[in-house]
PDB file of all heavy atoms in Angstrom:
ATOM      1  N   LEU A   1      14.268  -5.432  22.881  1.00  0.00           N
ATOM      2  CA  LEU A   1      14.380  -5.979  24.227  1.00  0.00           C
ATOM      3  C   LEU A   1      15.832  -6.255  24.598  1.00  0.00           C
ATOM      4  O   LEU A   1      16.232  -6.131  25.758  1.00  0.00           O
ATOM      5  CB  LEU A   1      13.570  -7.278  24.343  1.00  0.00           C
ATOM      6  CG  LEU A   1      12.055  -7.165  24.294  1.00  0.00           C
ATOM      7  CD1 LEU A   1      11.430  -8.553  24.424  1.00  0.00           C
ATOM      8  CD2 LEU A   1      11.523  -6.230  25.375  1.00  0.00           C
ATOM      9  N   ALA A   2      16.634  -6.636  23.593  1.00  0.00           N
ATOM     10  CA  ALA A   2      18.022  -6.998  23.859  1.00  0.00           C
ATOM     11  C   ALA A   2      18.928  -5.801  24.084  1.00  0.00           C
ATOM     12  O   ALA A   2      19.996  -5.930  24.688  1.00  0.00           O
ATOM     13  CB  ALA A   2      18.565  -7.830  22.700  1.00  0.00           C
ATOM     14  N   ALA A   3      18.536  -4.628  23.592  1.00  0.00           N
ATOM     15  CA  ALA A   3      19.381  -3.441  23.729  1.00  0.00           C
ATOM     16  C   ALA A   3      19.579  -3.102  25.209  1.00  0.00           C
ATOM     17  O   ALA A   3      18.637  -3.164  26.000  1.00  0.00           O
ATOM     18  CB  ALA A   3      18.748  -2.257  23.010  1.00  0.00           C
ATOM     19  N   PRO A   4      20.799  -2.758  25.613  1.00  0.00           N
ATOM     20  CA  PRO A   4      21.075  -2.477  27.026  1.00  0.00           C
ATOM     21  C   PRO A   4      20.327  -1.243  27.523  1.00  0.00           C
ATOM     22  O   PRO A   4      20.429  -0.169  26.945  1.00  0.00           O
ATOM     23  CB  PRO A   4      22.598  -2.253  27.059  1.00  0.00           C
ATOM     24  CG  PRO A   4      22.958  -1.871  25.658  1.00  0.00           C
ATOM     25  CD  PRO A   4      22.011  -2.613  24.774  1.00  0.00           C
ATOM     26  N   SER A   5      19.555  -1.425  28.594  1.00  0.00           N
ATOM     27  CA  SER A   5      18.754  -0.318  29.120  1.00  0.00           C
ATOM     28  C   SER A   5      19.074   0.021  30.566  1.00  0.00           C
ATOM     29  O   SER A   5      19.258   1.178  30.912  1.00  0.00           O
ATOM     30  CB  SER A   5      17.259  -0.631  28.991  1.00  0.00           C
ATOM     31  OG  SER A   5      16.862  -0.624  27.639  1.00  0.00           O
ATOM     32  N   SER A   6      19.126  -0.992  31.428  1.00  0.00           N
ATOM     33  CA  SER A   6      19.424  -0.722  32.832  1.00  0.00           C
ATOM     34  C   SER A   6      19.559  -2.043  33.575  1.00  0.00           C
ATOM     35  O   SER A   6      19.018  -3.069  33.150  1.00  0.00           O
ATOM     36  CB  SER A   6      18.323   0.123  33.470  1.00  0.00           C
ATOM     37  OG  SER A   6      18.555   0.299  34.857  1.00  0.00           O
ATOM     38  N   ASP A   7      20.281  -2.014  34.696  1.00  0.00           N
ATOM     39  CA  ASP A   7      20.363  -3.190  35.554  1.00  0.00           C
ATOM     40  C   ASP A   7      19.222  -3.202  36.574  1.00  0.00           C
ATOM     41  O   ASP A   7      18.990  -4.218  37.231  1.00  0.00           O
ATOM     42  CB  ASP A   7      21.703  -3.209  36.293  1.00  0.00           C
ATOM     43  CG  ASP A   7      22.876  -3.408  35.336  1.00  0.00           C
ATOM     44  OD1 ASP A   7      22.714  -4.184  34.374  1.00  0.00           O
ATOM     45  OD2 ASP A   7      23.938  -2.792  35.562  1.00  0.00           O
ATOM     46  N   ASN A   8      18.542  -2.077  36.704  1.00  0.00           N
ATOM     47  CA  ASN A   8      17.415  -1.989  37.629  1.00  0.00           C
ATOM     48  C   ASN A   8      16.130  -2.381  36.895  1.00  0.00           C
ATOM     49  O   ASN A   8      15.805  -1.791  35.864  1.00  0.00           O
ATOM     50  CB  ASN A   8      17.305  -0.556  38.166  1.00  0.00           C
ATOM     51  CG  ASN A   8      16.169  -0.406  39.162  1.00  0.00           C
ATOM     52  OD1 ASN A   8      15.003  -0.427  38.799  1.00  0.00           O
ATOM     53  ND2 ASN A   8      16.526  -0.238  40.436  1.00  0.00           N
ATOM     54  N   PRO A   9      15.381  -3.377  37.382  1.00  0.00           N
ATOM     55  CA  PRO A   9      14.188  -3.859  36.676  1.00  0.00           C
ATOM     56  C   PRO A   9      13.160  -2.766  36.362  1.00  0.00           C
ATOM     57  O   PRO A   9      12.586  -2.737  35.273  1.00  0.00           O
ATOM     58  CB  PRO A   9      13.609  -4.911  37.631  1.00  0.00           C
ATOM     59  CG  PRO A   9      14.787  -5.387  38.420  1.00  0.00           C
ATOM     60  CD  PRO A   9      15.653  -4.166  38.598  1.00  0.00           C
ATOM     61  N   LYS A  10      12.929  -1.862  37.332  1.00  0.00           N
ATOM     62  CA  LYS A  10      11.940  -0.809  37.090  1.00  0.00           C
ATOM     63  C   LYS A  10      12.416   0.164  36.022  1.00  0.00           C
ATOM     64  O   LYS A  10      11.649   0.548  35.126  1.00  0.00           O
ATOM     65  CB  LYS A  10      11.649  -0.063  38.398  1.00  0.00           C
ATOM     66  CG  LYS A  10      10.884  -0.886  39.425  1.00  0.00           C
ATOM     67  CD  LYS A  10      10.541  -0.051  40.645  1.00  0.00           C
ATOM     68  CE  LYS A  10       9.745  -0.868  41.652  1.00  0.00           C
ATOM     69  NZ  LYS A  10       9.402  -0.059  42.871  1.00  0.00           N
ATOM     70  N   ASP A  11      13.676   0.575  36.104  1.00  0.00           N
ATOM     71  CA  ASP A  11      14.222   1.477  35.090  1.00  0.00           C
ATOM     72  C   ASP A  11      14.268   0.796  33.725  1.00  0.00           C
ATOM     73  O   ASP A  11      14.014   1.424  32.692  1.00  0.00           O
ATOM     74  CB  ASP A  11      15.630   1.925  35.494  1.00  0.00           C
ATOM     75  CG  ASP A  11      15.630   2.818  36.727  1.00  0.00           C
ATOM     76  OD1 ASP A  11      14.566   3.396  37.029  1.00  0.00           O
ATOM     77  OD2 ASP A  11      16.684   2.928  37.385  1.00  0.00           O
ATOM     78  N   TRP A  12      14.596  -0.500  33.717  1.00  0.00           N
ATOM     79  CA  TRP A  12      14.630  -1.276  32.477  1.00  0.00           C
ATOM     80  C   TRP A  12      13.256  -1.268  31.815  1.00  0.00           C
ATOM     81  O   TRP A  12      13.131  -0.996  30.618  1.00  0.00           O
ATOM     82  CB  TRP A  12      15.065  -2.703  32.785  1.00  0.00           C
ATOM     83  CG  TRP A  12      15.212  -3.587  31.573  1.00  0.00           C
ATOM     84  CD1 TRP A  12      16.330  -3.797  30.843  1.00  0.00           C
ATOM     85  CD2 TRP A  12      14.184  -4.396  30.983  1.00  0.00           C
ATOM     86  NE1 TRP A  12      16.076  -4.678  29.813  1.00  0.00           N
ATOM     87  CE2 TRP A  12      14.771  -5.062  29.880  1.00  0.00           C
ATOM     88  CE3 TRP A  12      12.837  -4.613  31.263  1.00  0.00           C
ATOM     89  CZ2 TRP A  12      14.047  -5.941  29.065  1.00  0.00           C
ATOM     90  CZ3 TRP A  12      12.108  -5.487  30.454  1.00  0.00           C
ATOM     91  CH2 TRP A  12      12.714  -6.134  29.378  1.00  0.00           C
ATOM     92  N   ALA A  13      12.234  -1.571  32.601  1.00  0.00           N
ATOM     93  CA  ALA A  13      10.875  -1.638  32.061  1.00  0.00           C
ATOM     94  C   ALA A  13      10.422  -0.270  31.548  1.00  0.00           C
ATOM     95  O   ALA A  13       9.789  -0.171  30.476  1.00  0.00           O
ATOM     96  CB  ALA A  13       9.907  -2.152  33.125  1.00  0.00           C
ATOM     97  N   TYR A  14      10.738   0.784  32.288  1.00  0.00           N
ATOM     98  CA  TYR A  14      10.332   2.128  31.870  1.00  0.00           C
ATOM     99  C   TYR A  14      11.037   2.540  30.589  1.00  0.00           C
ATOM    100  O   TYR A  14      10.415   3.093  29.665  1.00  0.00           O
ATOM    101  CB  TYR A  14      10.636   3.118  32.995  1.00  0.00           C
ATOM    102  CG  TYR A  14      10.207   4.540  32.700  1.00  0.00           C
ATOM    103  CD1 TYR A  14       8.874   4.855  32.472  1.00  0.00           C
ATOM    104  CD2 TYR A  14      11.158   5.576  32.647  1.00  0.00           C
ATOM    105  CE1 TYR A  14       8.479   6.155  32.203  1.00  0.00           C
ATOM    106  CE2 TYR A  14      10.764   6.876  32.382  1.00  0.00           C
ATOM    107  CZ  TYR A  14       9.432   7.161  32.156  1.00  0.00           C
ATOM    108  OH  TYR A  14       9.046   8.448  31.871  1.00  0.00           O
ATOM    109  N   SER A  15      12.340   2.252  30.511  1.00  0.00           N
ATOM    110  CA  SER A  15      13.098   2.605  29.307  1.00  0.00           C
ATOM    111  C   SER A  15      12.605   1.822  28.093  1.00  0.00           C
ATOM    112  O   SER A  15      12.463   2.370  26.991  1.00  0.00           O
ATOM    113  CB  SER A  15      14.593   2.341  29.522  1.00  0.00           C
ATOM    114  OG  SER A  15      15.112   3.172  30.543  1.00  0.00           O
ATOM    115  N   LYS A  16      12.346   0.539  28.289  1.00  0.00           N
ATOM    116  CA  LYS A  16      11.842  -0.278  27.187  1.00  0.00           C
ATOM    117  C   LYS A  16      10.486   0.222  26.709  1.00  0.00           C
ATOM    118  O   LYS A  16      10.206   0.265  25.505  1.00  0.00           O
ATOM    119  CB  LYS A  16      11.728  -1.743  27.616  1.00  0.00           C
ATOM    120  CG  LYS A  16      13.045  -2.421  27.892  1.00  0.00           C
ATOM    121  CD  LYS A  16      13.960  -2.449  26.683  1.00  0.00           C
ATOM    122  CE  LYS A  16      15.265  -3.142  26.999  1.00  0.00           C
ATOM    123  NZ  LYS A  16      16.246  -3.044  25.902  1.00  0.00           N
ATOM    124  N   ALA A  17       9.630   0.603  27.635  1.00  0.00           N
ATOM    125  CA  ALA A  17       8.301   1.092  27.270  1.00  0.00           C
ATOM    126  C   ALA A  17       8.412   2.350  26.415  1.00  0.00           C
ATOM    127  O   ALA A  17       7.700   2.500  25.407  1.00  0.00           O
ATOM    128  CB  ALA A  17       7.473   1.367  28.523  1.00  0.00           C
ATOM    129  N   LYS A  18       9.318   3.244  26.792  1.00  0.00           N
ATOM    130  CA  LYS A  18       9.480   4.472  26.014  1.00  0.00           C
ATOM    131  C   LYS A  18      10.088   4.192  24.644  1.00  0.00           C
ATOM    132  O   LYS A  18       9.630   4.722  23.622  1.00  0.00           O
ATOM    133  CB  LYS A  18      10.348   5.473  26.780  1.00  0.00           C
ATOM    134  CG  LYS A  18       9.697   6.026  28.041  1.00  0.00           C
ATOM    135  CD  LYS A  18      10.238   7.398  28.383  1.00  0.00           C
ATOM    136  CE  LYS A  18      11.723   7.395  28.664  1.00  0.00           C
ATOM    137  NZ  LYS A  18      12.242   8.757  28.918  1.00  0.00           N
ATOM    138  N   GLY A  19      11.120   3.366  24.619  1.00  0.00           N
ATOM    139  CA  GLY A  19      11.764   3.062  23.350  1.00  0.00           C
ATOM    140  C   GLY A  19      10.849   2.325  22.397  1.00  0.00           C
ATOM    141  O   GLY A  19      10.778   2.638  21.204  1.00  0.00           O
ATOM    142  N   LEU A  20      10.126   1.343  22.923  1.00  0.00           N
ATOM    143  CA  LEU A  20       9.191   0.590  22.087  1.00  0.00           C
ATOM    144  C   LEU A  20       8.048   1.472  21.595  1.00  0.00           C
ATOM    145  O   LEU A  20       7.512   1.254  20.503  1.00  0.00           O
ATOM    146  CB  LEU A  20       8.649  -0.605  22.871  1.00  0.00           C
ATOM    147  CG  LEU A  20       9.631  -1.767  23.059  1.00  0.00           C
ATOM    148  CD1 LEU A  20       9.087  -2.772  24.071  1.00  0.00           C
ATOM    149  CD2 LEU A  20       9.895  -2.471  21.719  1.00  0.00           C
ATOM    150  N   SER A  21       7.678   2.473  22.386  1.00  0.00           N
ATOM    151  CA  SER A  21       6.623   3.404  21.950  1.00  0.00           C
ATOM    152  C   SER A  21       7.068   4.189  20.723  1.00  0.00           C
ATOM    153  O   SER A  21       6.276   4.426  19.805  1.00  0.00           O
ATOM    154  CB  SER A  21       6.271   4.365  23.081  1.00  0.00           C
ATOM    155  OG  SER A  21       5.703   3.678  24.180  1.00  0.00           O
ATOM    156  N   VAL A  22       8.340   4.598  20.707  1.00  0.00           N
ATOM    157  CA  VAL A  22       8.863   5.313  19.545  1.00  0.00           C
ATOM    158  C   VAL A  22       8.854   4.409  18.316  1.00  0.00           C
ATOM    159  O   VAL A  22       8.411   4.805  17.225  1.00  0.00           O
ATOM    160  CB  VAL A  22      10.292   5.826  19.812  1.00  0.00           C
ATOM    161  CG1 VAL A  22      10.906   6.403  18.538  1.00  0.00           C
ATOM    162  CG2 VAL A  22      10.281   6.887  20.906  1.00  0.00           C
ATOM    163  N   GLU A  23       9.311   3.178  18.478  1.00  0.00           N
ATOM    164  CA  GLU A  23       9.382   2.279  17.338  1.00  0.00           C
ATOM    165  C   GLU A  23       7.989   1.865  16.862  1.00  0.00           C
ATOM    166  O   GLU A  23       7.748   1.738  15.657  1.00  0.00           O
ATOM    167  CB  GLU A  23      10.240   1.064  17.688  1.00  0.00           C
ATOM    168  CG  GLU A  23      11.679   1.470  17.988  1.00  0.00           C
ATOM    169  CD  GLU A  23      12.662   0.324  17.919  1.00  0.00           C
ATOM    170  OE1 GLU A  23      12.225  -0.849  17.986  1.00  0.00           O
ATOM    171  OE2 GLU A  23      13.875   0.590  17.781  1.00  0.00           O
ATOM    172  N   LEU A  24       7.066   1.662  17.788  1.00  0.00           N
ATOM    173  CA  LEU A  24       5.690   1.385  17.402  1.00  0.00           C
ATOM    174  C   LEU A  24       5.098   2.579  16.676  1.00  0.00           C
ATOM    175  O   LEU A  24       4.360   2.429  15.689  1.00  0.00           O
ATOM    176  CB  LEU A  24       4.852   1.044  18.636  1.00  0.00           C
ATOM    177  CG  LEU A  24       3.363   0.783  18.382  1.00  0.00           C
ATOM    178  CD1 LEU A  24       3.175  -0.403  17.441  1.00  0.00           C
ATOM    179  CD2 LEU A  24       2.626   0.534  19.707  1.00  0.00           C
ATOM    180  N   GLY A  25       5.436   3.790  17.149  1.00  0.00           N
ATOM    181  CA  GLY A  25       4.962   4.992  16.482  1.00  0.00           C
ATOM    182  C   GLY A  25       5.464   5.077  15.052  1.00  0.00           C
ATOM    183  O   GLY A  25       4.735   5.497  14.146  1.00  0.00           O
ATOM    184  N   ALA A  26       6.712   4.672  14.828  1.00  0.00           N
ATOM    185  CA  ALA A  26       7.274   4.679  13.482  1.00  0.00           C
ATOM    186  C   ALA A  26       6.532   3.703  12.583  1.00  0.00           C
ATOM    187  O   ALA A  26       6.223   4.013  11.418  1.00  0.00           O
ATOM    188  CB  ALA A  26       8.757   4.331  13.527  1.00  0.00           C
ATOM    189  N   GLU A  27       6.218   2.523  13.105  1.00  0.00           N
ATOM    190  CA  GLU A  27       5.506   1.527  12.307  1.00  0.00           C
ATOM    191  C   GLU A  27       4.070   1.963  12.041  1.00  0.00           C
ATOM    192  O   GLU A  27       3.553   1.758  10.937  1.00  0.00           O
ATOM    193  CB  GLU A  27       5.544   0.179  13.018  1.00  0.00           C
ATOM    194  CG  GLU A  27       6.954  -0.420  13.079  1.00  0.00           C
ATOM    195  CD  GLU A  27       6.989  -1.790  13.715  1.00  0.00           C
ATOM    196  OE1 GLU A  27       6.055  -2.108  14.494  1.00  0.00           O
ATOM    197  OE2 GLU A  27       7.936  -2.557  13.448  1.00  0.00           O
ATOM    198  N   LEU A  28       3.430   2.567  13.035  1.00  0.00           N
ATOM    199  CA  LEU A  28       2.057   3.042  12.833  1.00  0.00           C
ATOM    200  C   LEU A  28       2.014   4.206  11.845  1.00  0.00           C
ATOM    201  O   LEU A  28       1.090   4.301  11.028  1.00  0.00           O
ATOM    202  CB  LEU A  28       1.446   3.460  14.177  1.00  0.00           C
ATOM    203  CG  LEU A  28       1.152   2.324  15.164  1.00  0.00           C
ATOM    204  CD1 LEU A  28       0.646   2.900  16.488  1.00  0.00           C
ATOM    205  CD2 LEU A  28       0.119   1.364  14.572  1.00  0.00           C
ATOM    206  N   ALA A  29       3.002   5.098  11.925  1.00  0.00           N
ATOM    207  CA  ALA A  29       3.070   6.207  10.978  1.00  0.00           C
ATOM    208  C   ALA A  29       3.262   5.695   9.555  1.00  0.00           C
ATOM    209  O   ALA A  29       2.642   6.186   8.603  1.00  0.00           O
ATOM    210  CB  ALA A  29       4.207   7.152  11.358  1.00  0.00           C
ATOM    211  N   THR A  30       4.114   4.678   9.413  1.00  0.00           N
ATOM    212  CA  THR A  30       4.331   4.080   8.103  1.00  0.00           C
ATOM    213  C   THR A  30       3.051   3.471   7.568  1.00  0.00           C
ATOM    214  O   THR A  30       2.686   3.681   6.401  1.00  0.00           O
ATOM    215  CB  THR A  30       5.423   2.992   8.193  1.00  0.00           C
ATOM    216  OG1 THR A  30       6.652   3.597   8.609  1.00  0.00           O
ATOM    217  CG2 THR A  30       5.629   2.314   6.846  1.00  0.00           C
ATOM    218  N   ALA A  31       2.338   2.729   8.418  1.00  0.00           N
ATOM    219  CA  ALA A  31       1.076   2.123   7.992  1.00  0.00           C
ATOM    220  C   ALA A  31       0.034   3.193   7.652  1.00  0.00           C
ATOM    221  O   ALA A  31      -0.703   3.064   6.672  1.00  0.00           O
ATOM    222  CB  ALA A  31       0.549   1.203   9.089  1.00  0.00           C
ATOM    223  N   GLY A  32      -0.012   4.253   8.450  1.00  0.00           N
ATOM    224  CA  GLY A  32      -0.992   5.307   8.216  1.00  0.00           C
ATOM    225  C   GLY A  32      -0.757   6.060   6.922  1.00  0.00           C
ATOM    226  O   GLY A  32      -1.691   6.297   6.149  1.00  0.00           O
ATOM    227  N   VAL A  33       0.502   6.445   6.676  1.00  0.00           N
ATOM    228  CA  VAL A  33       0.818   7.173   5.452  1.00  0.00           C
ATOM    229  C   VAL A  33       0.617   6.272   4.229  1.00  0.00           C
ATOM    230  O   VAL A  33       0.109   6.712   3.183  1.00  0.00           O
ATOM    231  CB  VAL A  33       2.259   7.715   5.493  1.00  0.00           C
ATOM    232  CG1 VAL A  33       2.645   8.332   4.152  1.00  0.00           C
ATOM    233  CG2 VAL A  33       2.405   8.740   6.608  1.00  0.00           C
ATOM    234  N   THR A  34       0.991   5.001   4.359  1.00  0.00           N
ATOM    235  CA  THR A  34       0.780   4.062   3.261  1.00  0.00           C
ATOM    236  C   THR A  34      -0.697   3.942   2.937  1.00  0.00           C
ATOM    237  O   THR A  34      -1.102   3.979   1.760  1.00  0.00           O
ATOM    238  CB  THR A  34       1.347   2.672   3.620  1.00  0.00           C
ATOM    239  OG1 THR A  34       2.747   2.779   3.877  1.00  0.00           O
ATOM    240  CG2 THR A  34       1.132   1.690   2.483  1.00  0.00           C
ATOM    241  N   GLY A  35      -1.528   3.791   3.967  1.00  0.00           N
ATOM    242  CA  GLY A  35      -2.967   3.691   3.753  1.00  0.00           C
ATOM    243  C   GLY A  35      -3.545   4.949   3.126  1.00  0.00           C
ATOM    244  O   GLY A  35      -4.426   4.878   2.267  1.00  0.00           O
ATOM    245  N   LEU A  36      -3.055   6.110   3.559  1.00  0.00           N
ATOM    246  CA  LEU A  36      -3.534   7.376   2.994  1.00  0.00           C
ATOM    247  C   LEU A  36      -3.196   7.470   1.510  1.00  0.00           C
ATOM    248  O   LEU A  36      -4.029   7.869   0.690  1.00  0.00           O
ATOM    249  CB  LEU A  36      -2.905   8.541   3.759  1.00  0.00           C
ATOM    250  CG  LEU A  36      -3.285   9.949   3.299  1.00  0.00           C
ATOM    251  CD1 LEU A  36      -4.778  10.190   3.476  1.00  0.00           C
ATOM    252  CD2 LEU A  36      -2.491  11.012   4.067  1.00  0.00           C
ATOM    253  N   LEU A  37      -1.974   7.087   1.159  1.00  0.00           N
ATOM    254  CA  LEU A  37      -1.570   7.122  -0.243  1.00  0.00           C
ATOM    255  C   LEU A  37      -2.340   6.101  -1.074  1.00  0.00           C
ATOM    256  O   LEU A  37      -2.683   6.350  -2.227  1.00  0.00           O
ATOM    257  CB  LEU A  37      -0.068   6.864  -0.357  1.00  0.00           C
ATOM    258  CG  LEU A  37       0.839   7.982   0.151  1.00  0.00           C
ATOM    259  CD1 LEU A  37       2.299   7.544   0.131  1.00  0.00           C
ATOM    260  CD2 LEU A  37       0.670   9.241  -0.700  1.00  0.00           C
ATOM    261  N   ASN A  38      -2.615   4.934  -0.477  1.00  0.00           N
ATOM    262  CA  ASN A  38      -3.421   3.936  -1.182  1.00  0.00           C
ATOM    263  C   ASN A  38      -4.777   4.498  -1.580  1.00  0.00           C
ATOM    264  O   ASN A  38      -5.228   4.328  -2.716  1.00  0.00           O
ATOM    265  CB  ASN A  38      -3.634   2.700  -0.291  1.00  0.00           C
ATOM    266  CG  ASN A  38      -2.426   1.802  -0.210  1.00  0.00           C
ATOM    267  OD1 ASN A  38      -2.296   1.025   0.726  1.00  0.00           O
ATOM    268  ND2 ASN A  38      -1.527   1.892  -1.169  1.00  0.00           N
ATOM    269  N   GLY A  39      -5.413   5.173  -0.623  1.00  0.00           N
ATOM    270  CA  GLY A  39      -6.730   5.733  -0.896  1.00  0.00           C
ATOM    271  C   GLY A  39      -6.689   6.920  -1.841  1.00  0.00           C
ATOM    272  O   GLY A  39      -7.629   7.147  -2.610  1.00  0.00           O
ATOM    273  N   THR A  40      -5.591   7.676  -1.797  1.00  0.00           N
ATOM    274  CA  THR A  40      -5.480   8.866  -2.643  1.00  0.00           C
ATOM    275  C   THR A  40      -5.161   8.507  -4.089  1.00  0.00           C
ATOM    276  O   THR A  40      -5.769   9.038  -5.015  1.00  0.00           O
ATOM    277  CB  THR A  40      -4.380   9.803  -2.097  1.00  0.00           C
ATOM    278  OG1 THR A  40      -4.698  10.171  -0.759  1.00  0.00           O
ATOM    279  CG2 THR A  40      -4.273  11.057  -2.961  1.00  0.00           C
ATOM    280  N   THR A  41      -4.202   7.604  -4.280  1.00  0.00           N
ATOM    281  CA  THR A  41      -3.790   7.261  -5.643  1.00  0.00           C
ATOM    282  C   THR A  41      -4.800   6.358  -6.339  1.00  0.00           C
ATOM    283  O   THR A  41      -5.049   6.508  -7.538  1.00  0.00           O
ATOM    284  CB  THR A  41      -2.416   6.565  -5.639  1.00  0.00           C
ATOM    285  OG1 THR A  41      -2.482   5.377  -4.841  1.00  0.00           O
ATOM    286  CG2 THR A  41      -1.360   7.496  -5.064  1.00  0.00           C
ATOM    287  N   GLY A  42      -5.372   5.414  -5.605  1.00  0.00           N
ATOM    288  CA  GLY A  42      -6.376   4.535  -6.186  1.00  0.00           C
ATOM    289  C   GLY A  42      -5.859   3.688  -7.339  1.00  0.00           C
ATOM    290  O   GLY A  42      -6.635   3.320  -8.233  1.00  0.00           O
ATOM    291  N   ARG A  43      -4.592   3.374  -7.340  1.00  0.00           N
ATOM    292  CA  ARG A  43      -4.027   2.594  -8.438  1.00  0.00           C
ATOM    293  C   ARG A  43      -4.517   1.144  -8.385  1.00  0.00           C
ATOM    294  O   ARG A  43      -4.612   0.548  -7.324  1.00  0.00           O
ATOM    295  CB  ARG A  43      -2.504   2.608  -8.357  1.00  0.00           C
ATOM    296  CG  ARG A  43      -1.826   1.949  -9.556  1.00  0.00           C
ATOM    297  CD  ARG A  43      -0.324   1.926  -9.410  1.00  0.00           C
ATOM    298  NE  ARG A  43       0.327   1.541 -10.649  1.00  0.00           N
ATOM    299  CZ  ARG A  43       1.622   1.328 -10.793  1.00  0.00           C
ATOM    300  NH1 ARG A  43       2.432   1.476  -9.748  1.00  0.00           N
ATOM    301  NH2 ARG A  43       2.127   0.973 -11.946  1.00  0.00           N
TER     302      ARG A  43
END
C-alpha cells in the first residue's frame, strides 16, 4: 500500500489491485506447491 502508485485515486486503486493480485498469486502458489509436496512426500 505504501509503494508509490499514483496521485489520482482511481489510478492508485487500480494499480494497487493489480500489484496486490500478483503478490497474492505468489503467496497462493507457494501455499499450493507446499501442500502438493506435503501430500506427495508424506513425511
